[in-house]
Structures are given as C-alpha cells and as structure tokens.
N, C-alpha and C. Protein backbone atom coordinates (compact mmCIF):
# COMPACT_ATOMS: atom_id res chain seq x y z
N UNK A 1 0.56 -0.85 -0.06
CA UNK A 1 0.15 -0.26 -0.03
C UNK A 1 1.05 1.17 -0.13
N UNK A 2 0.35 2.33 -0.95
CA UNK A 2 1.21 3.13 -0.83
C UNK A 2 0.38 4.58 0.16
N UNK A 3 0.92 5.40 0.79
CA UNK A 3 -0.05 6.34 1.35
C UNK A 3 0.92 7.79 0.94
N UNK A 4 0.22 8.94 0.68
CA UNK A 4 1.10 9.68 0.34
C UNK A 4 0.55 10.98 1.14
N UNK A 5 1.31 11.35 2.33
CA UNK A 5 0.77 12.10 2.89
C UNK A 5 0.33 13.61 2.60
N UNK A 6 -0.57 14.34 2.42
CA UNK A 6 -1.08 15.37 2.43
C UNK A 6 -0.02 16.65 2.33
N UNK A 7 0.29 16.97 3.61
CA UNK A 7 1.13 17.97 4.52
C UNK A 7 2.31 17.22 4.08
N UNK A 8 3.17 16.39 3.96
CA UNK A 8 4.49 16.26 3.52
C UNK A 8 4.17 16.40 2.03
N UNK A 9 3.79 15.99 1.39
CA UNK A 9 3.66 16.65 -0.42
C UNK A 9 3.93 17.67 -0.66
N UNK A 10 2.50 18.70 0.04
CA UNK A 10 2.60 20.36 -0.12
C UNK A 10 4.21 20.76 0.44
N UNK A 11 4.31 19.88 1.31
CA UNK A 11 5.86 20.35 2.56
C UNK A 11 7.02 20.39 1.30
N UNK A 12 6.43 19.06 0.78
CA UNK A 12 8.18 18.60 -0.48
C UNK A 12 7.70 18.93 -1.94
N UNK A 13 6.59 19.20 -2.07
CA UNK A 13 6.51 19.40 -3.73
C UNK A 13 6.70 20.32 -4.16
N UNK A 14 7.17 21.42 -3.50
CA UNK A 14 8.01 22.62 -4.54
C UNK A 14 9.49 22.18 -4.53
N UNK A 15 9.89 21.96 -5.47
CA UNK A 15 11.13 21.73 -5.39
C UNK A 15 12.16 22.94 -6.28
N UNK A 16 13.10 23.09 -5.48
CA UNK A 16 13.87 24.07 -6.23
C UNK A 16 14.67 23.65 -7.37
N UNK A 17 15.25 24.48 -8.10
CA UNK A 17 16.03 24.06 -9.03
C UNK A 17 17.22 23.21 -9.48
N UNK A 18 17.70 23.57 -7.97
CA UNK A 18 19.33 23.05 -7.35
C UNK A 18 18.37 21.64 -7.32
N UNK A 19 17.28 21.27 -6.53
CA UNK A 19 17.35 19.98 -6.28
C UNK A 19 17.01 19.19 -6.67
N UNK A 20 16.14 19.72 -8.40
CA UNK A 20 15.87 19.22 -9.87
C UNK A 20 17.23 18.64 -10.02
N UNK A 21 18.37 19.23 -10.23
CA UNK A 21 19.36 19.30 -10.83
C UNK A 21 20.10 17.85 -10.24
N UNK A 22 19.87 17.64 -8.86
CA UNK A 22 20.64 16.54 -8.10
C UNK A 22 19.52 15.52 -8.51
N UNK A 23 20.25 14.75 -9.95
CA UNK A 23 19.84 13.68 -10.67
C UNK A 23 20.18 12.06 -9.79
N UNK A 24 21.25 12.23 -8.97
CA UNK A 24 21.91 11.44 -8.60
C UNK A 24 21.06 11.15 -7.14
N UNK A 25 20.97 11.96 -6.72
CA UNK A 25 20.28 11.62 -5.45
C UNK A 25 18.56 10.50 -6.05
N UNK A 26 17.83 9.68 -4.65
CA UNK A 26 16.83 8.90 -5.32
C UNK A 26 15.66 9.99 -4.06
N UNK A 27 14.59 9.32 -3.96
CA UNK A 27 13.31 10.18 -3.53
C UNK A 27 13.74 10.21 -1.56
N UNK A 28 14.49 8.84 -1.64
CA UNK A 28 14.96 8.75 -0.32
C UNK A 28 15.63 9.69 0.40
N UNK A 29 16.73 10.18 -0.20
CA UNK A 29 17.51 11.33 -0.33
C UNK A 29 16.95 12.99 -0.20
N UNK A 30 16.60 12.89 -0.71
CA UNK A 30 15.52 13.82 -0.93
C UNK A 30 14.65 14.03 0.25
N UNK A 31 13.97 13.61 0.45
CA UNK A 31 12.68 13.70 1.48
C UNK A 31 12.48 11.91 1.69
N UNK A 32 13.44 12.30 3.16
CA UNK A 32 13.48 10.81 3.87
C UNK A 32 12.25 10.75 4.61
N UNK A 33 12.19 12.08 5.34
CA UNK A 33 10.66 12.34 6.64
C UNK A 33 8.83 12.04 5.64
N UNK A 34 9.36 11.37 4.03
CA UNK A 34 8.12 10.78 3.58
C UNK A 34 7.71 9.03 3.43
N UNK A 35 9.48 8.50 4.35
CA UNK A 35 9.19 7.16 4.02
C UNK A 35 8.97 6.96 5.47
N UNK A 36 8.16 5.69 5.55
CA UNK A 36 8.02 4.61 6.28
C UNK A 36 8.18 3.35 6.00
N UNK A 37 7.73 2.34 7.64
CA UNK A 37 8.12 1.05 7.42
C UNK A 37 6.62 0.71 8.50
N UNK A 38 6.29 -0.22 7.81
CA UNK A 38 4.96 -0.57 8.56
C UNK A 38 5.03 -2.21 9.18
N UNK A 39 5.07 -2.33 10.30
CA UNK A 39 5.34 -3.40 10.91
C UNK A 39 4.95 -3.66 11.58
N UNK A 40 4.10 -5.04 11.56
CA UNK A 40 3.38 -6.04 12.53
C UNK A 40 4.02 -7.06 13.12
N UNK A 41 3.19 -6.42 14.50
CA UNK A 41 3.94 -7.66 15.54
C UNK A 41 2.68 -8.58 15.79
N UNK A 42 3.57 -9.70 16.32
CA UNK A 42 2.31 -10.67 16.66
C UNK A 42 2.14 -11.55 17.69
N UNK A 43 0.97 -11.36 18.49
CA UNK A 43 1.26 -12.02 19.82
C UNK A 43 0.25 -13.29 20.14
N UNK A 44 -0.08 -13.91 20.87
CA UNK A 44 -0.66 -15.22 20.79
C UNK A 44 -2.46 -14.83 19.75
N UNK A 45 -3.31 -13.96 20.45
CA UNK A 45 -3.72 -13.44 20.03
C UNK A 45 -4.51 -12.03 19.49
N UNK A 46 -3.42 -11.21 19.56
CA UNK A 46 -3.61 -9.80 18.68
C UNK A 46 -2.39 -9.50 17.50
N UNK A 47 -2.10 -8.93 16.60
CA UNK A 47 -1.30 -8.44 15.89
C UNK A 47 -1.37 -6.25 15.91
N UNK A 48 -0.03 -6.16 16.41
CA UNK A 48 -0.03 -4.92 16.40
C UNK A 48 0.76 -3.92 15.15
N UNK A 49 0.35 -2.99 15.08
CA UNK A 49 0.74 -2.42 13.66
C UNK A 49 1.47 -1.08 14.46
N UNK A 50 2.93 -1.20 13.95
CA UNK A 50 3.79 -0.26 14.03
C UNK A 50 4.31 0.77 12.96
N UNK A 51 4.48 1.51 12.97
CA UNK A 51 5.09 2.63 12.22
C UNK A 51 6.50 2.89 12.32
N UNK A 52 7.00 2.47 11.72
CA UNK A 52 8.66 3.00 11.71
C UNK A 52 9.43 4.13 10.50
N UNK A 53 10.02 5.29 11.17
CA UNK A 53 10.66 6.00 10.13
C UNK A 53 11.89 5.54 9.52
N UNK A 54 12.34 6.23 8.40
CA UNK A 54 13.41 5.78 8.15
C UNK A 54 14.69 5.37 8.30
N UNK A 55 14.80 5.53 9.63
CA UNK A 55 15.60 5.04 10.08
C UNK A 55 15.40 2.93 10.91
N UNK A 56 13.99 3.26 10.67
CA UNK A 56 13.67 1.79 11.60
C UNK A 56 13.20 2.26 13.09
N UNK A 57 12.92 2.97 13.30
CA UNK A 57 12.79 3.43 14.57
C UNK A 57 11.51 3.93 14.97
N UNK A 58 10.57 3.26 15.45
CA UNK A 58 8.97 3.75 15.92
C UNK A 58 9.04 5.21 16.21
N UNK A 59 7.74 5.19 15.56
CA UNK A 59 8.25 6.87 15.59
C UNK A 59 5.85 7.25 15.84
N UNK A 60 5.81 8.04 16.16
CA UNK A 60 4.31 8.52 16.56
C UNK A 60 4.22 10.32 15.60
N UNK A 61 4.73 10.49 14.76
CA UNK A 61 4.79 11.50 13.96
C UNK A 61 3.22 11.71 13.60
N UNK A 62 2.92 12.95 12.99
CA UNK A 62 1.38 13.34 12.98
C UNK A 62 1.21 12.04 11.75
N UNK A 63 2.23 12.19 10.55
CA UNK A 63 1.89 11.65 9.54
C UNK A 63 1.43 9.78 9.89
N UNK A 64 2.36 9.37 11.14
CA UNK A 64 2.05 8.13 11.32
C UNK A 64 1.11 7.75 11.91
N UNK A 65 0.71 8.90 12.61
CA UNK A 65 -0.97 8.27 13.16
C UNK A 65 -1.69 8.84 12.11
N UNK A 66 -2.12 9.89 11.35
CA UNK A 66 -2.90 9.45 10.12
C UNK A 66 -2.97 8.16 9.62
N UNK A 67 -1.56 7.75 9.27
CA UNK A 67 -1.68 6.16 8.57
C UNK A 67 -2.40 4.44 9.37
N UNK A 68 -2.13 5.02 10.89
CA UNK A 68 -2.67 4.05 11.55
C UNK A 68 -3.78 4.35 11.75
N UNK A 69 -4.50 5.57 11.53
CA UNK A 69 -6.29 5.74 11.57
C UNK A 69 -6.33 5.15 10.26
N UNK A 70 -5.52 5.49 8.96
CA UNK A 70 -6.21 5.07 7.25
C UNK A 70 -6.25 3.48 7.59
N UNK A 71 -5.53 2.88 8.37
CA UNK A 71 -5.61 1.22 8.36
C UNK A 71 -6.28 0.94 9.12
N UNK A 72 -6.88 1.14 10.02
CA UNK A 72 -7.68 0.60 11.14
C UNK A 72 -8.95 0.84 10.24
N UNK A 73 -9.45 2.28 9.58
CA UNK A 73 -10.40 2.61 8.93
C UNK A 73 -10.22 1.46 8.07
N UNK A 74 -9.93 1.45 7.16
CA UNK A 74 -9.83 0.01 6.30
C UNK A 74 -10.03 -1.00 6.80
N UNK A 75 -9.49 -1.73 8.07
CA UNK A 75 -9.77 -3.00 8.51
C UNK A 75 -10.98 -3.00 9.19
N UNK A 76 -11.42 -1.92 9.69
CA UNK A 76 -13.39 -1.65 10.27
C UNK A 76 -13.92 -2.22 8.94
N UNK A 77 -13.78 -1.92 7.72
CA UNK A 77 -14.93 -2.54 6.88
C UNK A 77 -15.18 -3.97 6.45
C-alpha cells in the first residue's frame, strides 16, 4: 500500500531548481521524512501495527498517526 501524506507532499512538492538538478539523489535522499515502514507484531491473540521511520525507529509523528487511522478505517470495513 502506498500512502502519500498531503501535508508532506505540500511541504516537499515545491522543488527548487537545485534539487531538480540533483539527479543522482533518489527520493529517500531528497525527502526521508516521507518514507515509513509498517511493522506487524503478532502475539498469541492479537496483532499490533507499528509505524517506523526511515531509520526503522518507532515513530508517532502526525503522518504516522494518520497512517494508523487509515489502516484502522480499512480494517473496520
């Protein structure tokens, strides 16, 4: 699943001429705060969904909270 946080897209959407010239950088280098990992941790009777940042550290950023709400909404359907 791909999720593009509209707040982060707006923040990074206006690329400067210099960042466009940096063709050797990939998207993770240009905007690492836009990439997350979703980790599922299972226990006997439950599964927890954890959002990790680019460094694979648990995060509770506004984007992570929006992602968790979106996942919860999808699972409730």
